[in-house]
Amino acid sequence: MLVVIPALNEAAAIEACIASLRVGDRFMERVCIVVADGGSTDGTRDIVKRMAADDPMLRLLNNPARLQSAGINLAVKREAKPEHAILVRCDAHAVYPPGYVRRVAEALACRPEAASVATVMDAAGDSGFARACAWVMDTPLGSGGSQHRGGTRPQWVDHGHHAGFRLSWFRRIGGYNPSFSHNEDAEYDRRLAQAGGRIWLAADIRLTYQVRRTPGGLRRQYWNYGRGRARTVLTHRMRPRLRQLVPVLNVLGLAGGLAGAALWPPALIWPAAYVAALLAVSLVGALRLRGWAGLWAGAALGIMHTAWGLGFLRIWLPWIMTRRQAPTYAPKL
């Protein structure tokens, strides 16, 4: 078994992530953990080197392509041995419960028909804004009903938070598309489904994901998520799901309402209704979190919706206007 953690400037989180994977489970003493670093300049590499001095099964791998998709592919190519049958991907922003890697391996063993196992992320935050953001992110308003965001029912899914892979399947479909900076997981799952692979959501295996601490960080994250989703849609000529179209339609409705209000004041109905909905979310957030910090929930939700929709349109509109050939990907690993 091989565990890979892609990282870039994760000094604030990488030590806690690695420690959580090792602590309390003797099984992990013989599991190789590879940190695929994309050129960190904030001390991440020094932290990993220091930890590796006391941990012979911890490796630091240089990832010159910087992107996490390319880093995982490189780790499989360089570090996977013939005896490795399973790859477990871990996120540097996450803290893992004891036994996480072992339980992912057991889930794959119990589901021989599964090519991958996905697990559930429970969002958490360490600041007022982040706590409100984490709460609303795990609601249907924030996640669109994605089962790997706070879900509780084990089931077959077409996409989920990447955890365990059978390396035979990973190699068969060419690993990740190394040009994707975001949404590489959904793009991978699309090709996996086309090849006949299935994904099992092990909803009883959960991890804690630390959300962005500031509105600016959240905005950049969801802008990139929207761009990545648009690239996946265009690459595979997919029809977006309704929950993916809602943020896009909302952005268009807000822009149209504000632009048309001078000529037709009722056009403001949609922007006004949306602002009222966000205020209601803030009030509910304050009640659920039992504090004023919950009032950030509406703002966080608005940032997620708007940044995701704008990011999607940034990629999709130029293509629809020029009708240029959608990008394709010929996998090679």
C-alpha atoms as a PDB file:
ATOM      1  CA  MET A   1       0.000   0.000   0.000  1.00  0.00           C
ATOM      2  CA  LEU A   2       1.132   3.500  -0.856  1.00  0.00           C
ATOM      3  CA  VAL A   3      -0.138   6.760   0.708  1.00  0.00           C
ATOM      4  CA  VAL A   4       0.406  10.000  -1.229  1.00  0.00           C
ATOM      5  CA  ILE A   5      -0.110  13.544   0.091  1.00  0.00           C
ATOM      6  CA  PRO A   6       0.184  16.262  -2.589  1.00  0.00           C
ATOM      7  CA  ALA A   7       1.341  19.528  -1.020  1.00  0.00           C
ATOM      8  CA  LEU A   8       2.267  23.093  -1.869  1.00  0.00           C
ATOM      9  CA  ASN A   9       2.946  25.607   0.915  1.00  0.00           C
ATOM     10  CA  GLU A  10       1.163  23.608   3.598  1.00  0.00           C
ATOM     11  CA  ALA A  11       3.433  24.415   6.556  1.00  0.00           C
ATOM     12  CA  ALA A  12       0.435  25.216   8.767  1.00  0.00           C
ATOM     13  CA  ALA A  13      -1.198  21.820   8.220  1.00  0.00           C
ATOM     14  CA  ILE A  14       1.232  19.164   6.968  1.00  0.00           C
ATOM     15  CA  GLU A  15       2.615  18.027  10.338  1.00  0.00           C
ATOM     16  CA  ALA A  16      -0.838  17.510  11.844  1.00  0.00           C
ATOM     17  CA  CYS A  17      -1.938  15.645   8.725  1.00  0.00           C
ATOM     18  CA  ILE A  18       0.996  13.209   8.735  1.00  0.00           C
ATOM     19  CA  ALA A  19       0.839  12.718  12.497  1.00  0.00           C
ATOM     20  CA  SER A  20      -2.875  11.893  12.349  1.00  0.00           C
ATOM     21  CA  LEU A  21      -2.194   9.161   9.772  1.00  0.00           C
ATOM     22  CA  ARG A  22       0.463   7.506  11.930  1.00  0.00           C
ATOM     23  CA  VAL A  23      -0.929   7.864  15.450  1.00  0.00           C
ATOM     24  CA  GLY A  24      -2.690   5.005  17.213  1.00  0.00           C
ATOM     25  CA  ASP A  25      -2.397   2.373  14.470  1.00  0.00           C
ATOM     26  CA  ARG A  26       0.479  -0.125  14.288  1.00  0.00           C
ATOM     27  CA  PHE A  27      -0.681  -1.020  10.787  1.00  0.00           C
ATOM     28  CA  MET A  28       0.693   2.322   9.581  1.00  0.00           C
ATOM     29  CA  GLU A  29       4.219   1.562  10.791  1.00  0.00           C
ATOM     30  CA  ARG A  30       4.877  -0.424   7.612  1.00  0.00           C
ATOM     31  CA  VAL A  31       3.002   1.845   5.193  1.00  0.00           C
ATOM     32  CA  CYS A  32       4.986   4.220   2.991  1.00  0.00           C
ATOM     33  CA  ILE A  33       3.792   7.837   3.014  1.00  0.00           C
ATOM     34  CA  VAL A  34       4.993  10.073   0.178  1.00  0.00           C
ATOM     35  CA  VAL A  35       4.610  13.842   0.306  1.00  0.00           C
ATOM     36  CA  ALA A  36       4.647  15.065  -3.312  1.00  0.00           C
ATOM     37  CA  ASP A  37       5.726  18.669  -2.868  1.00  0.00           C
ATOM     38  CA  GLY A  38       5.207  21.181  -5.657  1.00  0.00           C
ATOM     39  CA  GLY A  39       7.993  23.540  -4.636  1.00  0.00           C
ATOM     40  CA  SER A  40       6.909  24.885  -1.246  1.00  0.00           C
ATOM     41  CA  THR A  41       8.648  28.001   0.031  1.00  0.00           C
ATOM     42  CA  ASP A  42       6.959  28.315   3.436  1.00  0.00           C
ATOM     43  CA  GLY A  43       8.823  25.604   5.358  1.00  0.00           C
ATOM     44  CA  THR A  44       6.670  22.621   4.338  1.00  0.00           C
ATOM     45  CA  ARG A  45       9.674  20.750   2.972  1.00  0.00           C
ATOM     46  CA  ASP A  46      11.727  21.333   6.129  1.00  0.00           C
ATOM     47  CA  ILE A  47       8.891  19.991   8.280  1.00  0.00           C
ATOM     48  CA  VAL A  48       8.610  16.827   6.186  1.00  0.00           C
ATOM     49  CA  LYS A  49      12.403  16.319   6.211  1.00  0.00           C
ATOM     50  CA  ARG A  50      12.463  16.708   9.991  1.00  0.00           C
ATOM     51  CA  MET A  51       9.678  14.170  10.416  1.00  0.00           C
ATOM     52  CA  ALA A  52      11.305  11.805   7.912  1.00  0.00           C
ATOM     53  CA  ALA A  53      14.477  11.758  10.026  1.00  0.00           C
ATOM     54  CA  ASP A  54      12.481   9.825  12.646  1.00  0.00           C
ATOM     55  CA  ASP A  55      10.215   7.975  10.203  1.00  0.00           C
ATOM     56  CA  PRO A  56      11.970   5.716   7.648  1.00  0.00           C
ATOM     57  CA  MET A  57       8.657   5.137   5.830  1.00  0.00           C
ATOM     58  CA  LEU A  58       8.083   8.846   5.140  1.00  0.00           C
ATOM     59  CA  ARG A  59       9.402  10.235   1.850  1.00  0.00           C
ATOM     60  CA  LEU A  60       9.613  13.704   0.309  1.00  0.00           C
ATOM     61  CA  LEU A  61       9.206  13.747  -3.478  1.00  0.00           C
ATOM     62  CA  ASN A  62       9.862  16.799  -5.646  1.00  0.00           C
ATOM     63  CA  ASN A  63       6.949  17.560  -7.957  1.00  0.00           C
ATOM     64  CA  PRO A  64       8.303  19.970 -10.603  1.00  0.00           C
ATOM     65  CA  ALA A  65       4.882  20.252 -12.279  1.00  0.00           C
ATOM     66  CA  ARG A  66       3.540  21.714  -8.975  1.00  0.00           C
ATOM     67  CA  LEU A  67      -0.067  20.535  -9.541  1.00  0.00           C
ATOM     68  CA  GLN A  68      -1.402  17.878  -7.172  1.00  0.00           C
ATOM     69  CA  SER A  69      -2.723  15.754 -10.046  1.00  0.00           C
ATOM     70  CA  ALA A  70       0.776  15.541 -11.571  1.00  0.00           C
ATOM     71  CA  GLY A  71       2.324  14.963  -8.136  1.00  0.00           C
ATOM     72  CA  ILE A  72       0.189  11.903  -7.434  1.00  0.00           C
ATOM     73  CA  ASN A  73       0.940  10.452 -10.870  1.00  0.00           C
ATOM     74  CA  LEU A  74       4.661  11.000 -10.268  1.00  0.00           C
ATOM     75  CA  ALA A  75       4.510   9.369  -6.841  1.00  0.00           C
ATOM     76  CA  VAL A  76       2.859   6.276  -8.318  1.00  0.00           C
ATOM     77  CA  LYS A  77       5.457   6.123 -11.089  1.00  0.00           C
ATOM     78  CA  ARG A  78       8.462   6.608  -8.778  1.00  0.00           C
ATOM     79  CA  GLU A  79       7.419   5.065  -5.472  1.00  0.00           C
ATOM     80  CA  ALA A  80       4.844   2.327  -6.154  1.00  0.00           C
ATOM     81  CA  LYS A  81       6.442  -1.108  -5.795  1.00  0.00           C
ATOM     82  CA  PRO A  82       5.215  -4.400  -7.310  1.00  0.00           C
ATOM     83  CA  GLU A  83       3.768  -5.380  -3.933  1.00  0.00           C
ATOM     84  CA  HIS A  84       1.663  -2.209  -3.756  1.00  0.00           C
ATOM     85  CA  ALA A  85      -1.914  -2.941  -4.812  1.00  0.00           C
ATOM     86  CA  ILE A  86      -3.661   0.044  -3.225  1.00  0.00           C
ATOM     87  CA  LEU A  87      -3.100   3.793  -3.403  1.00  0.00           C
ATOM     88  CA  VAL A  88      -4.572   6.046  -0.708  1.00  0.00           C
ATOM     89  CA  ARG A  89      -4.708   9.763  -1.451  1.00  0.00           C
ATOM     90  CA  CYS A  90      -4.694  12.112   1.520  1.00  0.00           C
ATOM     91  CA  ASP A  91      -5.215  15.873   1.717  1.00  0.00           C
ATOM     92  CA  ALA A  92      -2.741  18.100   3.546  1.00  0.00           C
ATOM     93  CA  HIS A  93      -5.643  20.249   4.805  1.00  0.00           C
ATOM     94  CA  ALA A  94      -7.268  17.294   6.556  1.00  0.00           C
ATOM     95  CA  VAL A  95      -6.891  15.621   9.931  1.00  0.00           C
ATOM     96  CA  TYR A  96      -7.532  11.879   9.805  1.00  0.00           C
ATOM     97  CA  PRO A  97      -9.083   9.649  12.458  1.00  0.00           C
ATOM     98  CA  PRO A  98      -7.045   6.717  13.807  1.00  0.00           C
ATOM     99  CA  GLY A  99      -7.121   3.764  11.444  1.00  0.00           C
ATOM    100  CA  TYR A 100      -8.237   5.768   8.420  1.00  0.00           C
ATOM    101  CA  VAL A 101      -5.855   4.206   5.884  1.00  0.00           C
ATOM    102  CA  ARG A 102      -6.426   0.687   7.235  1.00  0.00           C
ATOM    103  CA  ARG A 103     -10.203   1.117   7.043  1.00  0.00           C
ATOM    104  CA  VAL A 104      -9.995   2.366   3.449  1.00  0.00           C
ATOM    105  CA  ALA A 105      -7.990  -0.761   2.562  1.00  0.00           C
ATOM    106  CA  GLU A 106     -10.540  -2.945   4.357  1.00  0.00           C
ATOM    107  CA  ALA A 107     -13.389  -1.260   2.471  1.00  0.00           C
ATOM    108  CA  LEU A 108     -11.717  -2.098  -0.833  1.00  0.00           C
ATOM    109  CA  ALA A 109     -11.169  -5.676   0.344  1.00  0.00           C
ATOM    110  CA  CYS A 110     -14.857  -5.991   1.239  1.00  0.00           C
ATOM    111  CA  ARG A 111     -15.912  -4.617  -2.167  1.00  0.00           C
ATOM    112  CA  PRO A 112     -13.823  -6.500  -4.762  1.00  0.00           C
ATOM    113  CA  GLU A 113     -16.043  -5.054  -7.512  1.00  0.00           C
ATOM    114  CA  ALA A 114     -15.034  -1.497  -6.532  1.00  0.00           C
ATOM    115  CA  ALA A 115     -12.249   0.254  -8.427  1.00  0.00           C
ATOM    116  CA  SER A 116     -12.175   3.077  -5.857  1.00  0.00           C
ATOM    117  CA  VAL A 117     -13.444   3.892  -2.388  1.00  0.00           C
ATOM    118  CA  ALA A 118     -14.590   7.405  -1.483  1.00  0.00           C
ATOM    119  CA  THR A 119     -15.025   8.694   2.058  1.00  0.00           C
ATOM    120  CA  VAL A 120     -16.982  11.507   3.694  1.00  0.00           C
ATOM    121  CA  MET A 121     -15.533  14.909   4.555  1.00  0.00           C
ATOM    122  CA  ASP A 122     -16.857  16.779   7.577  1.00  0.00           C
ATOM    123  CA  ALA A 123     -15.903  20.457   7.290  1.00  0.00           C
ATOM    124  CA  ALA A 124     -14.421  22.283  10.285  1.00  0.00           C
ATOM    125  CA  GLY A 125     -12.955  25.716  10.934  1.00  0.00           C
ATOM    126  CA  ASP A 126     -10.723  27.382  13.504  1.00  0.00           C
ATOM    127  CA  SER A 127     -11.951  30.967  13.144  1.00  0.00           C
ATOM    128  CA  GLY A 128     -15.365  32.628  13.311  1.00  0.00           C
ATOM    129  CA  PHE A 129     -15.678  32.880   9.546  1.00  0.00           C
ATOM    130  CA  ALA A 130     -14.322  29.365   9.015  1.00  0.00           C
ATOM    131  CA  ARG A 131     -16.755  27.798  11.508  1.00  0.00           C
ATOM    132  CA  ALA A 132     -19.719  29.434   9.790  1.00  0.00           C
ATOM    133  CA  CYS A 133     -18.344  28.439   6.400  1.00  0.00           C
ATOM    134  CA  ALA A 134     -17.867  24.825   7.538  1.00  0.00           C
ATOM    135  CA  TRP A 135     -21.440  24.625   8.812  1.00  0.00           C
ATOM    136  CA  VAL A 136     -23.052  25.954   5.631  1.00  0.00           C
ATOM    137  CA  MET A 137     -20.670  23.998   3.381  1.00  0.00           C
ATOM    138  CA  ASP A 138     -22.039  20.707   4.699  1.00  0.00           C
ATOM    139  CA  THR A 139     -25.672  21.679   4.104  1.00  0.00           C
ATOM    140  CA  PRO A 140     -27.455  20.977   0.786  1.00  0.00           C
ATOM    141  CA  LEU A 141     -27.280  24.716   0.074  1.00  0.00           C
ATOM    142  CA  GLY A 142     -23.497  24.584   0.204  1.00  0.00           C
ATOM    143  CA  SER A 143     -22.760  21.109  -1.163  1.00  0.00           C
ATOM    144  CA  GLY A 144     -25.651  20.695  -3.567  1.00  0.00           C
ATOM    145  CA  GLY A 145     -26.504  17.417  -1.872  1.00  0.00           C
ATOM    146  CA  SER A 146     -23.150  15.725  -2.604  1.00  0.00           C
ATOM    147  CA  GLN A 147     -23.066  12.551  -0.532  1.00  0.00           C
ATOM    148  CA  HIS A 148     -19.353  12.854   0.258  1.00  0.00           C
ATOM    149  CA  ARG A 149     -20.045  16.192   1.996  1.00  0.00           C
ATOM    150  CA  GLY A 150     -21.618  15.191   5.285  1.00  0.00           C
ATOM    151  CA  GLY A 151     -23.468  12.155   3.898  1.00  0.00           C
ATOM    152  CA  THR A 152     -24.361   9.184   6.078  1.00  0.00           C
ATOM    153  CA  ARG A 153     -25.505   6.418   3.691  1.00  0.00           C
ATOM    154  CA  PRO A 154     -23.013   3.944   2.149  1.00  0.00           C
ATOM    155  CA  GLN A 155     -23.747   3.560  -1.559  1.00  0.00           C
ATOM    156  CA  TRP A 156     -22.417   3.385  -5.085  1.00  0.00           C
ATOM    157  CA  VAL A 157     -21.692   6.876  -6.418  1.00  0.00           C
ATOM    158  CA  ASP A 158     -20.432   8.387  -9.666  1.00  0.00           C
ATOM    159  CA  HIS A 159     -18.102  10.757  -7.790  1.00  0.00           C
ATOM    160  CA  GLY A 160     -16.827  11.223  -4.260  1.00  0.00           C
ATOM    161  CA  HIS A 161     -13.933  12.459  -2.153  1.00  0.00           C
ATOM    162  CA  HIS A 162     -10.951  10.451  -3.359  1.00  0.00           C
ATOM    163  CA  ALA A 163      -9.519   8.086  -0.785  1.00  0.00           C
ATOM    164  CA  GLY A 164      -8.574   4.571  -1.979  1.00  0.00           C
ATOM    165  CA  PHE A 165      -7.727   3.316  -5.471  1.00  0.00           C
ATOM    166  CA  ARG A 166      -6.835  -0.062  -6.820  1.00  0.00           C
ATOM    167  CA  LEU A 167      -3.537   0.679  -8.539  1.00  0.00           C
ATOM    168  CA  SER A 168      -4.466  -1.673 -11.364  1.00  0.00           C
ATOM    169  CA  TRP A 169      -7.413   0.585 -12.214  1.00  0.00           C
ATOM    170  CA  PHE A 170      -5.431   3.781 -11.618  1.00  0.00           C
ATOM    171  CA  ARG A 171      -2.818   2.668 -14.149  1.00  0.00           C
ATOM    172  CA  ARG A 172      -5.389   1.279 -16.572  1.00  0.00           C
ATOM    173  CA  ILE A 173      -7.053   4.662 -17.109  1.00  0.00           C
ATOM    174  CA  GLY A 174      -3.807   6.656 -16.997  1.00  0.00           C
ATOM    175  CA  GLY A 175      -4.086   8.171 -13.530  1.00  0.00           C
ATOM    176  CA  TYR A 176      -5.047  11.818 -13.145  1.00  0.00           C
ATOM    177  CA  ASN A 177      -5.071  14.326 -15.986  1.00  0.00           C
ATOM    178  CA  PRO A 178      -1.875  16.201 -14.969  1.00  0.00           C
ATOM    179  CA  SER A 179      -3.047  19.457 -16.560  1.00  0.00           C
ATOM    180  CA  PHE A 180      -5.964  19.830 -14.106  1.00  0.00           C
ATOM    181  CA  SER A 181      -5.268  22.068 -11.130  1.00  0.00           C
ATOM    182  CA  HIS A 182      -8.806  21.568  -9.744  1.00  0.00           C
ATOM    183  CA  ASN A 183     -11.643  19.077 -10.297  1.00  0.00           C
ATOM    184  CA  GLU A 184      -9.075  16.458 -11.286  1.00  0.00           C
ATOM    185  CA  ASP A 185     -10.953  14.015  -9.055  1.00  0.00           C
ATOM    186  CA  ALA A 186     -14.250  14.382 -10.942  1.00  0.00           C
ATOM    187  CA  GLU A 187     -12.438  14.192 -14.285  1.00  0.00           C
ATOM    188  CA  TYR A 188     -10.744  10.966 -13.144  1.00  0.00           C
ATOM    189  CA  ASP A 189     -14.070   9.518 -11.980  1.00  0.00           C
ATOM    190  CA  ARG A 190     -15.642  10.291 -15.357  1.00  0.00           C
ATOM    191  CA  ARG A 191     -12.949   8.315 -17.193  1.00  0.00           C
ATOM    192  CA  LEU A 192     -13.185   5.551 -14.604  1.00  0.00           C
ATOM    193  CA  ALA A 193     -16.932   5.190 -15.231  1.00  0.00           C
ATOM    194  CA  GLN A 194     -16.380   5.171 -18.985  1.00  0.00           C
ATOM    195  CA  ALA A 195     -13.907   2.314 -18.515  1.00  0.00           C
ATOM    196  CA  GLY A 196     -16.406   0.343 -16.415  1.00  0.00           C
ATOM    197  CA  GLY A 197     -14.987   1.095 -12.957  1.00  0.00           C
ATOM    198  CA  ARG A 198     -17.245   1.608  -9.925  1.00  0.00           C
ATOM    199  CA  ILE A 199     -16.884   3.824  -6.834  1.00  0.00           C
ATOM    200  CA  TRP A 200     -18.087   2.830  -3.377  1.00  0.00           C
ATOM    201  CA  LEU A 201     -18.826   5.562  -0.843  1.00  0.00           C
ATOM    202  CA  ALA A 202     -17.846   4.234   2.582  1.00  0.00           C
ATOM    203  CA  ALA A 203     -19.904   6.723   4.584  1.00  0.00           C
ATOM    204  CA  ASP A 204     -18.766   5.267   7.903  1.00  0.00           C
ATOM    205  CA  ILE A 205     -15.188   6.396   7.168  1.00  0.00           C
ATOM    206  CA  ARG A 206     -14.978  10.123   7.786  1.00  0.00           C
ATOM    207  CA  LEU A 207     -12.312  12.787   7.953  1.00  0.00           C
ATOM    208  CA  THR A 208     -12.183  16.367   9.167  1.00  0.00           C
ATOM    209  CA  TYR A 209     -11.436  18.948   6.477  1.00  0.00           C
ATOM    210  CA  GLN A 210     -10.205  22.406   7.476  1.00  0.00           C
ATOM    211  CA  VAL A 211     -11.939  25.042   5.358  1.00  0.00           C
ATOM    212  CA  ARG A 212     -10.336  28.291   4.216  1.00  0.00           C
ATOM    213  CA  ARG A 213      -9.945  30.801   7.039  1.00  0.00           C
ATOM    214  CA  THR A 214     -10.741  33.988   5.075  1.00  0.00           C
ATOM    215  CA  PRO A 215     -13.333  35.174   2.527  1.00  0.00           C
ATOM    216  CA  GLY A 216     -10.524  35.773   0.021  1.00  0.00           C
ATOM    217  CA  GLY A 217      -9.206  32.235   0.361  1.00  0.00           C
ATOM    218  CA  LEU A 218     -12.690  30.796  -0.016  1.00  0.00           C
ATOM    219  CA  ARG A 219     -13.357  32.942  -3.082  1.00  0.00           C
ATOM    220  CA  ARG A 220     -10.171  31.760  -4.823  1.00  0.00           C
ATOM    221  CA  GLN A 221     -10.903  28.141  -3.954  1.00  0.00           C
ATOM    222  CA  TYR A 222     -14.434  28.166  -5.391  1.00  0.00           C
ATOM    223  CA  TRP A 223     -13.419  30.217  -8.440  1.00  0.00           C
ATOM    224  CA  ASN A 224     -10.943  27.436  -9.226  1.00  0.00           C
ATOM    225  CA  TYR A 225     -13.544  24.756  -8.490  1.00  0.00           C
ATOM    226  CA  GLY A 226     -15.913  26.339 -11.013  1.00  0.00           C
ATOM    227  CA  ARG A 227     -13.180  26.585 -13.649  1.00  0.00           C
ATOM    228  CA  GLY A 228     -12.198  22.962 -13.069  1.00  0.00           C
ATOM    229  CA  ARG A 229     -15.768  21.733 -13.374  1.00  0.00           C
ATOM    230  CA  ALA A 230     -16.209  23.641 -16.651  1.00  0.00           C
ATOM    231  CA  ARG A 231     -13.056  22.034 -18.028  1.00  0.00           C
ATOM    232  CA  THR A 232     -14.355  18.589 -17.079  1.00  0.00           C
ATOM    233  CA  VAL A 233     -17.711  19.292 -18.739  1.00  0.00           C
ATOM    234  CA  LEU A 234     -16.034  20.464 -21.951  1.00  0.00           C
ATOM    235  CA  THR A 235     -13.388  17.738 -22.024  1.00  0.00           C
ATOM    236  CA  HIS A 236     -15.975  14.966 -21.767  1.00  0.00           C
ATOM    237  CA  ARG A 237     -18.863  16.801 -23.478  1.00  0.00           C
ATOM    238  CA  MET A 238     -20.982  16.227 -20.396  1.00  0.00           C
ATOM    239  CA  ARG A 239     -24.376  17.654 -19.545  1.00  0.00           C
ATOM    240  CA  PRO A 240     -24.001  19.474 -16.204  1.00  0.00           C
ATOM    241  CA  ARG A 241     -26.309  18.392 -13.399  1.00  0.00           C
ATOM    242  CA  LEU A 242     -28.936  20.775 -12.112  1.00  0.00           C
ATOM    243  CA  ARG A 243     -27.043  21.347  -8.838  1.00  0.00           C
ATOM    244  CA  GLN A 244     -24.025  22.402 -10.898  1.00  0.00           C
ATOM    245  CA  LEU A 245     -26.068  24.750 -13.080  1.00  0.00           C
ATOM    246  CA  VAL A 246     -27.767  26.506 -10.162  1.00  0.00           C
ATOM    247  CA  PRO A 247     -24.743  28.700  -9.225  1.00  0.00           C
ATOM    248  CA  VAL A 248     -24.257  29.604 -12.897  1.00  0.00           C
ATOM    249  CA  LEU A 249     -27.918  30.516 -13.383  1.00  0.00           C
ATOM    250  CA  ASN A 250     -27.833  32.472 -10.132  1.00  0.00           C
ATOM    251  CA  VAL A 251     -24.868  34.561 -11.321  1.00  0.00           C
ATOM    252  CA  LEU A 252     -26.634  35.253 -14.613  1.00  0.00           C
ATOM    253  CA  GLY A 253     -29.825  36.168 -12.743  1.00  0.00           C
ATOM    254  CA  LEU A 254     -27.983  38.537 -10.420  1.00  0.00           C
ATOM    255  CA  ALA A 255     -26.107  40.190 -13.287  1.00  0.00           C
ATOM    256  CA  GLY A 256     -29.243  40.515 -15.392  1.00  0.00           C
ATOM    257  CA  GLY A 257     -31.279  41.901 -12.514  1.00  0.00           C
ATOM    258  CA  LEU A 258     -28.726  44.536 -11.568  1.00  0.00           C
ATOM    259  CA  ALA A 259     -28.089  45.534 -15.180  1.00  0.00           C
ATOM    260  CA  GLY A 260     -31.768  45.777 -16.083  1.00  0.00           C
ATOM    261  CA  ALA A 261     -32.999  47.518 -12.946  1.00  0.00           C
ATOM    262  CA  ALA A 262     -32.506  51.025 -14.384  1.00  0.00           C
ATOM    263  CA  LEU A 263     -34.909  50.292 -17.242  1.00  0.00           C
ATOM    264  CA  TRP A 264     -37.224  47.867 -15.444  1.00  0.00           C
ATOM    265  CA  PRO A 265     -37.131  48.096 -11.608  1.00  0.00           C
ATOM    266  CA  PRO A 266     -38.864  44.700 -11.072  1.00  0.00           C
ATOM    267  CA  ALA A 267     -35.649  43.151 -12.403  1.00  0.00           C
ATOM    268  CA  LEU A 268     -34.290  43.657  -8.880  1.00  0.00           C
ATOM    269  CA  ILE A 269     -36.640  40.985  -7.544  1.00  0.00           C
ATOM    270  CA  TRP A 270     -34.116  38.173  -8.010  1.00  0.00           C
ATOM    271  CA  PRO A 271     -31.093  39.982  -6.465  1.00  0.00           C
ATOM    272  CA  ALA A 272     -33.278  41.152  -3.563  1.00  0.00           C
ATOM    273  CA  ALA A 273     -34.657  37.662  -2.999  1.00  0.00           C
ATOM    274  CA  TYR A 274     -31.175  36.157  -3.044  1.00  0.00           C
ATOM    275  CA  VAL A 275     -29.840  38.684  -0.524  1.00  0.00           C
ATOM    276  CA  ALA A 276     -32.853  37.979   1.708  1.00  0.00           C
ATOM    277  CA  ALA A 277     -32.123  34.243   1.473  1.00  0.00           C
ATOM    278  CA  LEU A 278     -28.501  34.804   2.488  1.00  0.00           C
ATOM    279  CA  LEU A 279     -29.618  36.896   5.461  1.00  0.00           C
ATOM    280  CA  ALA A 280     -31.932  34.079   6.511  1.00  0.00           C
ATOM    281  CA  VAL A 281     -29.043  31.614   6.250  1.00  0.00           C
ATOM    282  CA  SER A 282     -26.950  33.909   8.469  1.00  0.00           C
ATOM    283  CA  LEU A 283     -29.664  33.995  11.129  1.00  0.00           C
ATOM    284  CA  VAL A 284     -30.011  30.201  11.075  1.00  0.00           C
ATOM    285  CA  GLY A 285     -26.218  29.900  11.221  1.00  0.00           C
ATOM    286  CA  ALA A 286     -26.081  32.109  14.315  1.00  0.00           C
ATOM    287  CA  LEU A 287     -28.710  29.925  15.991  1.00  0.00           C
ATOM    288  CA  ARG A 288     -27.075  26.632  15.005  1.00  0.00           C
ATOM    289  CA  LEU A 289     -23.588  27.744  16.037  1.00  0.00           C
ATOM    290  CA  ARG A 290     -24.934  29.561  19.106  1.00  0.00           C
ATOM    291  CA  GLY A 291     -22.904  32.680  18.492  1.00  0.00           C
ATOM    292  CA  TRP A 292     -22.440  35.773  16.388  1.00  0.00           C
ATOM    293  CA  ALA A 293     -19.841  33.995  14.250  1.00  0.00           C
ATOM    294  CA  GLY A 294     -22.716  32.125  12.614  1.00  0.00           C
ATOM    295  CA  LEU A 295     -23.751  35.363  10.906  1.00  0.00           C
ATOM    296  CA  TRP A 296     -20.879  34.772   8.484  1.00  0.00           C
ATOM    297  CA  ALA A 297     -22.771  31.787   7.048  1.00  0.00           C
ATOM    298  CA  GLY A 298     -24.766  33.812   4.522  1.00  0.00           C
ATOM    299  CA  ALA A 299     -21.681  35.654   3.297  1.00  0.00           C
ATOM    300  CA  ALA A 300     -19.736  32.381   2.976  1.00  0.00           C
ATOM    301  CA  LEU A 301     -22.582  30.789   1.004  1.00  0.00           C
ATOM    302  CA  GLY A 302     -22.810  33.810  -1.300  1.00  0.00           C
ATOM    303  CA  ILE A 303     -19.055  33.646  -1.933  1.00  0.00           C
ATOM    304  CA  MET A 304     -19.217  29.938  -2.753  1.00  0.00           C
ATOM    305  CA  HIS A 305     -22.154  30.289  -5.138  1.00  0.00           C
ATOM    306  CA  THR A 306     -20.892  33.397  -6.918  1.00  0.00           C
ATOM    307  CA  ALA A 307     -17.220  32.439  -7.202  1.00  0.00           C
ATOM    308  CA  TRP A 308     -18.093  28.945  -8.469  1.00  0.00           C
ATOM    309  CA  GLY A 309     -20.551  30.310 -11.031  1.00  0.00           C
ATOM    310  CA  LEU A 310     -18.135  32.997 -12.263  1.00  0.00           C
ATOM    311  CA  GLY A 311     -15.296  30.477 -12.508  1.00  0.00           C
ATOM    312  CA  PHE A 312     -17.475  28.138 -14.564  1.00  0.00           C
ATOM    313  CA  LEU A 313     -18.534  30.955 -16.892  1.00  0.00           C
ATOM    314  CA  ARG A 314     -14.912  32.103 -17.271  1.00  0.00           C
ATOM    315  CA  ILE A 315     -14.117  28.817 -19.029  1.00  0.00           C
ATOM    316  CA  TRP A 316     -17.466  28.006 -20.618  1.00  0.00           C
ATOM    317  CA  LEU A 317     -18.422  31.362 -22.175  1.00  0.00           C
ATOM    318  CA  PRO A 318     -15.314  31.767 -24.390  1.00  0.00           C
ATOM    319  CA  TRP A 319     -15.853  28.238 -25.682  1.00  0.00           C
ATOM    320  CA  ILE A 320     -19.551  28.742 -26.394  1.00  0.00           C
ATOM    321  CA  MET A 321     -18.865  32.060 -28.144  1.00  0.00           C
ATOM    322  CA  THR A 322     -16.086  30.755 -30.388  1.00  0.00           C
ATOM    323  CA  ARG A 323     -17.243  27.142 -30.690  1.00  0.00           C
ATOM    324  CA  ARG A 324     -13.622  26.057 -30.688  1.00  0.00           C
ATOM    325  CA  GLN A 325     -12.787  22.403 -30.267  1.00  0.00           C
ATOM    326  CA  ALA A 326     -13.189  21.253 -26.672  1.00  0.00           C
ATOM    327  CA  PRO A 327      -9.950  20.019 -25.079  1.00  0.00           C
ATOM    328  CA  THR A 328      -9.313  16.290 -24.978  1.00  0.00           C
ATOM    329  CA  TYR A 329      -7.033  14.131 -22.858  1.00  0.00           C
ATOM    330  CA  ALA A 330      -5.109  11.062 -23.971  1.00  0.00           C
ATOM    331  CA  PRO A 331      -4.132   9.374 -20.679  1.00  0.00           C
ATOM    332  CA  LYS A 332      -0.620   8.036 -20.229  1.00  0.00           C
ATOM    333  CA  LEU A 333       1.021   6.830 -17.035  1.00  0.00           C
END
